[in-house]
C-alpha atoms as a PDB file:
ATOM      1  CA  MET A   1      20.818-124.593  12.839  1.00  0.00           C
ATOM      2  CA  ARG A   2      21.538-121.605  10.620  1.00  0.00           C
ATOM      3  CA  PHE A   3      23.771-118.662  11.414  1.00  0.00           C
ATOM      4  CA  THR A   4      23.678-115.325   9.645  1.00  0.00           C
ATOM      5  CA  MET A   5      27.083-113.673   9.324  1.00  0.00           C
ATOM      6  CA  LYS A   6      27.241-109.924   8.858  1.00  0.00           C
ATOM      7  CA  PRO A   7      29.431-108.811   7.204  1.00  0.00           C
ATOM      8  CA  PRO A   8      29.684-111.857   4.877  1.00  0.00           C
ATOM      9  CA  ILE A   9      32.260-114.447   5.881  1.00  0.00           C
ATOM     10  CA  ASP A  10      34.899-115.867   3.547  1.00  0.00           C
ATOM     11  CA  LEU A  11      34.484-119.342   5.018  1.00  0.00           C
ATOM     12  CA  GLY A  12      37.262-121.002   3.030  1.00  0.00           C
ATOM     13  CA  ARG A  13      39.887-118.487   4.080  1.00  0.00           C
ATOM     14  CA  THR A  14      38.666-118.259   7.663  1.00  0.00           C
ATOM     15  CA  MET A  15      38.758-122.031   8.146  1.00  0.00           C
ATOM     16  CA  THR A  16      42.292-122.525   6.844  1.00  0.00           C
ATOM     17  CA  ILE A  17      44.519-119.819   8.341  1.00  0.00           C
ATOM     18  CA  GLN A  18      44.405-120.292  12.106  1.00  0.00           C
ATOM     19  CA  ILE A  19      45.456-122.876  14.669  1.00  0.00           C
ATOM     20  CA  PRO A  20      41.860-123.527  15.837  1.00  0.00           C
ATOM     21  CA  ALA A  21      40.865-124.160  12.217  1.00  0.00           C
ATOM     22  CA  LEU A  22      43.183-127.183  12.110  1.00  0.00           C
ATOM     23  CA  GLU A  23      40.476-129.115  13.935  1.00  0.00           C
ATOM     24  CA  TRP A  24      38.222-128.685  10.914  1.00  0.00           C
ATOM     25  CA  ILE A  25      38.664-130.943   7.890  1.00  0.00           C
ATOM     26  CA  CYS A  26      37.566-129.632   4.509  1.00  0.00           C
ATOM     27  CA  ASN A  27      35.037-131.869   2.767  1.00  0.00           C
ATOM     28  CA  SER A  28      34.242-130.208  -0.561  1.00  0.00           C
ATOM     29  CA  ASP A  29      32.815-126.839   0.548  1.00  0.00           C
ATOM     30  CA  SER A  30      31.899-128.048   4.055  1.00  0.00           C
ATOM     31  CA  TYR A  31      34.073-128.317   7.163  1.00  0.00           C
ATOM     32  CA  LEU A  32      33.908-131.192   9.663  1.00  0.00           C
ATOM     33  CA  ARG A  33      35.369-131.937  13.076  1.00  0.00           C
ATOM     34  CA  THR A  34      34.753-134.402  15.898  1.00  0.00           C
ATOM     35  CA  VAL A  35      34.287-133.252  19.495  1.00  0.00           C
ATOM     36  CA  ASP A  36      33.443-135.765  22.227  1.00  0.00           C
ATOM     37  CA  SER A  37      32.394-138.325  19.594  1.00  0.00           C
ATOM     38  CA  VAL A  38      30.005-135.839  17.965  1.00  0.00           C
ATOM     39  CA  THR A  39      30.618-134.896  14.326  1.00  0.00           C
ATOM     40  CA  GLN A  40      30.070-131.215  13.649  1.00  0.00           C
ATOM     41  CA  GLN A  41      29.646-129.662  10.219  1.00  0.00           C
ATOM     42  CA  ILE A  42      29.642-126.115   8.895  1.00  0.00           C
ATOM     43  CA  SER A  43      28.626-125.339   5.333  1.00  0.00           C
ATOM     44  CA  PRO A  44      27.370-122.283   3.445  1.00  0.00           C
ATOM     45  CA  TYR A  45      24.036-122.185   1.678  1.00  0.00           C
ATOM     46  CA  PRO A  46      23.306-119.820  -1.213  1.00  0.00           C
ATOM     47  CA  VAL A  47      21.442-116.553  -0.706  1.00  0.00           C
ATOM     48  CA  GLN A  48      20.796-113.490  -2.800  1.00  0.00           C
ATOM     49  CA  ASP A  49      21.717-110.964  -0.115  1.00  0.00           C
ATOM     50  CA  SER A  50      25.245-109.722  -0.836  1.00  0.00           C
ATOM     51  CA  LEU A  51      25.487-108.054   2.590  1.00  0.00           C
ATOM     52  CA  SER A  52      25.394-111.276   4.592  1.00  0.00           C
ATOM     53  CA  SER A  53      26.381-114.936   4.556  1.00  0.00           C
ATOM     54  CA  HIS A  54      24.303-117.816   5.846  1.00  0.00           C
ATOM     55  CA  LEU A  55      25.774-121.000   7.271  1.00  0.00           C
ATOM     56  CA  ASP A  56      24.259-124.370   8.083  1.00  0.00           C
ATOM     57  CA  MET A  57      25.693-125.789  11.306  1.00  0.00           C
ATOM     58  CA  GLU A  58      25.081-129.346  12.459  1.00  0.00           C
ATOM     59  CA  GLY A  59      26.022-130.467  15.970  1.00  0.00           C
ATOM     60  CA  VAL A  60      27.437-127.049  16.894  1.00  0.00           C
ATOM     61  CA  ARG A  61      26.323-125.425  20.135  1.00  0.00           C
ATOM     62  CA  PRO A  62      25.127-121.809  19.772  1.00  0.00           C
ATOM     63  CA  ASP A  63      27.909-120.430  21.992  1.00  0.00           C
ATOM     64  CA  GLU A  64      30.666-122.594  20.534  1.00  0.00           C
ATOM     65  CA  MET A  65      31.576-120.633  17.409  1.00  0.00           C
ATOM     66  CA  ARG A  66      32.543-117.058  18.096  1.00  0.00           C
ATOM     67  CA  TRP A  67      34.002-115.294  15.095  1.00  0.00           C
ATOM     68  CA  THR A  68      35.267-111.720  14.984  1.00  0.00           C
ATOM     69  CA  PRO A  69      35.320-110.083  11.535  1.00  0.00           C
ATOM     70  CA  LEU A  70      38.709-108.729  10.547  1.00  0.00           C
ATOM     71  CA  LEU A  71      36.902-105.482   9.767  1.00  0.00           C
ATOM     72  CA  GLU A  72      36.073-105.086  13.465  1.00  0.00           C
ATOM     73  CA  LEU A  73      39.605-105.593  14.752  1.00  0.00           C
ATOM     74  CA  ARG A  74      41.067-102.381  16.043  1.00  0.00           C
ATOM     75  CA  SER A  75      44.814-102.213  15.732  1.00  0.00           C
ATOM     76  CA  ARG A  76      47.550 -99.637  15.449  1.00  0.00           C
ATOM     77  CA  ASP A  77      49.498-102.088  13.332  1.00  0.00           C
ATOM     78  CA  PRO A  78      49.464-100.779   9.749  1.00  0.00           C
ATOM     79  CA  TYR A  79      49.592-104.324   8.390  1.00  0.00           C
ATOM     80  CA  ILE A  80      46.327-105.194  10.127  1.00  0.00           C
ATOM     81  CA  ARG A  81      44.729-102.112   8.597  1.00  0.00           C
ATOM     82  CA  LYS A  82      45.891-103.214   5.147  1.00  0.00           C
ATOM     83  CA  LEU A  83      44.601-106.742   5.708  1.00  0.00           C
ATOM     84  CA  ARG A  84      41.183-105.354   6.585  1.00  0.00           C
ATOM     85  CA  ASP A  85      41.075-103.637   3.197  1.00  0.00           C
ATOM     86  CA  PHE A  86      42.184-106.712   1.239  1.00  0.00           C
ATOM     87  CA  PHE A  87      40.301-109.438   3.124  1.00  0.00           C
ATOM     88  CA  PRO A  88      36.996-108.021   4.370  1.00  0.00           C
ATOM     89  CA  GLY A  89      35.466-111.516   4.535  1.00  0.00           C
ATOM     90  CA  LEU A  90      38.109-112.845   6.916  1.00  0.00           C
ATOM     91  CA  TYR A  91      37.031-113.732  10.469  1.00  0.00           C
ATOM     92  CA  PHE A  92      39.119-114.686  13.495  1.00  0.00           C
ATOM     93  CA  MET A  93      38.022-117.512  15.757  1.00  0.00           C
ATOM     94  CA  THR A  94      37.720-116.435  19.382  1.00  0.00           C
ATOM     95  CA  GLY A  95      35.579-119.200  20.831  1.00  0.00           C
ATOM     96  CA  GLN A  96      37.478-122.455  20.368  1.00  0.00           C
ATOM     97  CA  ASP A  97      38.515-124.648  23.287  1.00  0.00           C
ATOM     98  CA  PRO A  98      41.815-123.187  24.594  1.00  0.00           C
ATOM     99  CA  PHE A  99      43.358-126.506  25.641  1.00  0.00           C
ATOM    100  CA  ARG A 100      42.677-128.159  22.277  1.00  0.00           C
ATOM    101  CA  CYS A 101      44.186-125.093  20.593  1.00  0.00           C
ATOM    102  CA  LEU A 102      47.254-125.332  22.816  1.00  0.00           C
ATOM    103  CA  ILE A 103      47.816-128.987  21.920  1.00  0.00           C
ATOM    104  CA  LEU A 104      47.391-128.186  18.213  1.00  0.00           C
ATOM    105  CA  THR A 105      49.950-125.393  18.573  1.00  0.00           C
ATOM    106  CA  VAL A 106      52.485-127.786  20.066  1.00  0.00           C
ATOM    107  CA  LEU A 107      51.848-130.272  17.264  1.00  0.00           C
ATOM    108  CA  THR A 108      52.406-127.629  14.574  1.00  0.00           C
ATOM    109  CA  GLN A 109      55.835-126.604  15.841  1.00  0.00           C
ATOM    110  CA  ASN A 110      58.152-127.101  12.843  1.00  0.00           C
ATOM    111  CA  LYS A 111      55.589-129.338  11.110  1.00  0.00           C
ATOM    112  CA  THR A 112      52.963-128.914   8.407  1.00  0.00           C
ATOM    113  CA  ALA A 113      49.297-128.390   9.187  1.00  0.00           C
ATOM    114  CA  GLU A 114      48.383-131.734   7.646  1.00  0.00           C
ATOM    115  CA  ARG A 115      50.796-133.672   9.848  1.00  0.00           C
ATOM    116  CA  ALA A 116      49.594-131.811  12.941  1.00  0.00           C
ATOM    117  CA  ARG A 117      45.940-132.466  12.046  1.00  0.00           C
ATOM    118  CA  ALA A 118      46.613-136.176  11.467  1.00  0.00           C
ATOM    119  CA  ALA A 119      48.361-136.504  14.825  1.00  0.00           C
ATOM    120  CA  PHE A 120      45.613-134.570  16.616  1.00  0.00           C
ATOM    121  CA  TYR A 121      42.869-136.783  15.254  1.00  0.00           C
ATOM    122  CA  GLU A 122      44.828-139.894  16.122  1.00  0.00           C
ATOM    123  CA  LEU A 123      44.939-138.584  19.698  1.00  0.00           C
ATOM    124  CA  VAL A 124      41.165-138.080  19.497  1.00  0.00           C
ATOM    125  CA  ARG A 125      40.720-141.632  18.197  1.00  0.00           C
ATOM    126  CA  GLN A 126      42.885-143.156  20.928  1.00  0.00           C
ATOM    127  CA  PHE A 127      41.779-141.122  23.940  1.00  0.00           C
ATOM    128  CA  GLY A 128      38.407-139.643  23.030  1.00  0.00           C
ATOM    129  CA  LYS A 129      38.381-136.274  24.738  1.00  0.00           C
ATOM    130  CA  ILE A 130      41.357-133.944  24.370  1.00  0.00           C
ATOM    131  CA  THR A 131      41.257-132.396  27.834  1.00  0.00           C
ATOM    132  CA  PRO A 132      43.776-131.752  30.619  1.00  0.00           C
ATOM    133  CA  GLU A 133      42.089-134.484  32.659  1.00  0.00           C
ATOM    134  CA  THR A 134      42.414-137.085  29.888  1.00  0.00           C
ATOM    135  CA  LEU A 135      45.997-136.369  28.843  1.00  0.00           C
ATOM    136  CA  SER A 136      47.408-135.781  32.330  1.00  0.00           C
ATOM    137  CA  VAL A 137      47.004-139.423  33.351  1.00  0.00           C
ATOM    138  CA  ILE A 138      48.651-141.107  30.376  1.00  0.00           C
ATOM    139  CA  ASN A 139      52.263-142.136  29.951  1.00  0.00           C
ATOM    140  CA  PRO A 140      54.130-140.034  27.347  1.00  0.00           C
ATOM    141  CA  HIS A 141      55.501-143.260  25.834  1.00  0.00           C
ATOM    142  CA  ASP A 142      51.931-144.280  24.987  1.00  0.00           C
ATOM    143  CA  ILE A 143      51.575-141.420  22.514  1.00  0.00           C
ATOM    144  CA  VAL A 144      55.016-141.590  20.922  1.00  0.00           C
ATOM    145  CA  PRO A 145      53.753-143.773  18.009  1.00  0.00           C
ATOM    146  CA  ILE A 146      50.856-141.363  17.433  1.00  0.00           C
ATOM    147  CA  LEU A 147      53.179-138.380  17.145  1.00  0.00           C
ATOM    148  CA  TYR A 148      55.805-140.069  15.002  1.00  0.00           C
ATOM    149  CA  ARG A 149      55.451-137.565  12.150  1.00  0.00           C
ATOM    150  CA  CYS A 150      55.416-134.586  14.524  1.00  0.00           C
ATOM    151  CA  GLY A 151      58.604-135.216  16.473  1.00  0.00           C
ATOM    152  CA  PRO A 152      57.464-137.851  18.961  1.00  0.00           C
ATOM    153  CA  HIS A 153      59.949-137.922  21.813  1.00  0.00           C
ATOM    154  CA  ARG A 154      59.987-134.264  22.802  1.00  0.00           C
ATOM    155  CA  LYS A 155      56.378-133.458  21.929  1.00  0.00           C
ATOM    156  CA  ALA A 156      54.946-136.472  23.742  1.00  0.00           C
ATOM    157  CA  ASP A 157      56.626-135.293  26.948  1.00  0.00           C
ATOM    158  CA  TYR A 158      55.486-131.715  26.359  1.00  0.00           C
ATOM    159  CA  ILE A 159      51.847-132.646  25.788  1.00  0.00           C
ATOM    160  CA  VAL A 160      51.540-134.769  28.915  1.00  0.00           C
ATOM    161  CA  SER A 161      53.527-132.284  31.010  1.00  0.00           C
ATOM    162  CA  ILE A 162      51.336-129.398  29.831  1.00  0.00           C
ATOM    163  CA  ALA A 163      48.196-131.321  30.760  1.00  0.00           C
ATOM    164  CA  ARG A 164      49.580-132.135  34.207  1.00  0.00           C
ATOM    165  CA  GLU A 165      50.629-128.534  34.836  1.00  0.00           C
ATOM    166  CA  VAL A 166      47.252-127.191  33.758  1.00  0.00           C
ATOM    167  CA  MET A 167      45.589-129.595  36.169  1.00  0.00           C
ATOM    168  CA  ARG A 168      47.998-128.821  39.018  1.00  0.00           C
ATOM    169  CA  ARG A 169      48.038-125.044  38.685  1.00  0.00           C
ATOM    170  CA  TRP A 170      44.569-124.218  37.353  1.00  0.00           C
ATOM    171  CA  GLU A 171      42.512-127.373  37.956  1.00  0.00           C
ATOM    172  CA  GLY A 172      42.166-127.868  34.222  1.00  0.00           C
ATOM    173  CA  ASP A 173      40.719-124.396  33.598  1.00  0.00           C
ATOM    174  CA  LEU A 174      42.369-122.314  30.866  1.00  0.00           C
ATOM    175  CA  SER A 175      39.648-119.678  30.621  1.00  0.00           C
ATOM    176  CA  TRP A 176      42.209-117.076  31.675  1.00  0.00           C
ATOM    177  CA  VAL A 177      43.620-117.102  28.135  1.00  0.00           C
ATOM    178  CA  TYR A 178      40.873-114.582  27.378  1.00  0.00           C
ATOM    179  CA  ASP A 179      42.423-112.164  29.891  1.00  0.00           C
ATOM    180  CA  PRO A 180      44.572-109.274  28.621  1.00  0.00           C
ATOM    181  CA  PRO A 181      47.061-110.732  26.102  1.00  0.00           C
ATOM    182  CA  ASP A 182      50.195-109.794  28.044  1.00  0.00           C
ATOM    183  CA  LEU A 183      48.974-111.617  31.150  1.00  0.00           C
ATOM    184  CA  ALA A 184      47.842-114.671  29.198  1.00  0.00           C
ATOM    185  CA  ARG A 185      51.145-114.822  27.315  1.00  0.00           C
ATOM    186  CA  GLU A 186      53.111-114.523  30.549  1.00  0.00           C
ATOM    187  CA  ARG A 187      51.339-117.565  31.940  1.00  0.00           C
ATOM    188  CA  LEU A 188      51.408-119.618  28.765  1.00  0.00           C
ATOM    189  CA  VAL A 189      55.177-119.425  28.273  1.00  0.00           C
ATOM    190  CA  THR A 190      55.708-120.968  31.727  1.00  0.00           C
ATOM    191  CA  LEU A 191      54.247-124.240  30.436  1.00  0.00           C
ATOM    192  CA  PRO A 192      56.611-126.989  29.193  1.00  0.00           C
ATOM    193  CA  GLY A 193      57.460-126.607  25.509  1.00  0.00           C
ATOM    194  CA  VAL A 194      55.619-123.293  25.115  1.00  0.00           C
ATOM    195  CA  GLY A 195      57.568-120.240  24.030  1.00  0.00           C
ATOM    196  CA  PRO A 196      57.508-117.193  21.765  1.00  0.00           C
ATOM    197  CA  LYS A 197      56.270-117.802  18.233  1.00  0.00           C
ATOM    198  CA  LYS A 198      59.211-117.502  15.841  1.00  0.00           C
ATOM    199  CA  GLY A 199      59.022-114.341  13.787  1.00  0.00           C
ATOM    200  CA  TRP A 200      56.528-112.661  16.146  1.00  0.00           C
ATOM    201  CA  GLY A 201      58.959-110.976  18.513  1.00  0.00           C
ATOM    202  CA  PRO A 202      59.494-111.610  22.217  1.00  0.00           C
ATOM    203  CA  ALA A 203      56.749-113.161  24.336  1.00  0.00           C
END
């Protein structure tokens, strides 16, 4: 499958700056991830048209990748306006699985992206699907060795507790994270181990 991106996407920058991008592993100029035992790949292919970018996507569902160009973001924040001028090829991911993103966020707390990615993919290897249903039924002690480099004792409890709360309160459905940001944030910070991002002000 081929996607046409207008305006052109800076794939390298887009796939390395955000929490959802941690799922994707750089392989030369391509990016790979595994979802439900299916390997997905995104890679650019050369074109002459300077007004668009074309991407080859293998194993990716049409509705799975939703990117918003930085140029289209409307913000009163002057820093966002400056970023739009400097990085016109930057896109934000708005279509990744919210629960997987939440687990990745917990793993990255006070740790490097590489350590968080390694721990995430070890969870994938051990348990297959990273879903509230899958993680809510395991014992936190079972994932302590997996999370050794990411602060095992506290984060193991957080991950399992988050999964159980998501199942109990919302039957595993986190689609409400796409609601107005203030409402989504208010709900998210009630989950175990989830709080305001340091340096980003109050929740």
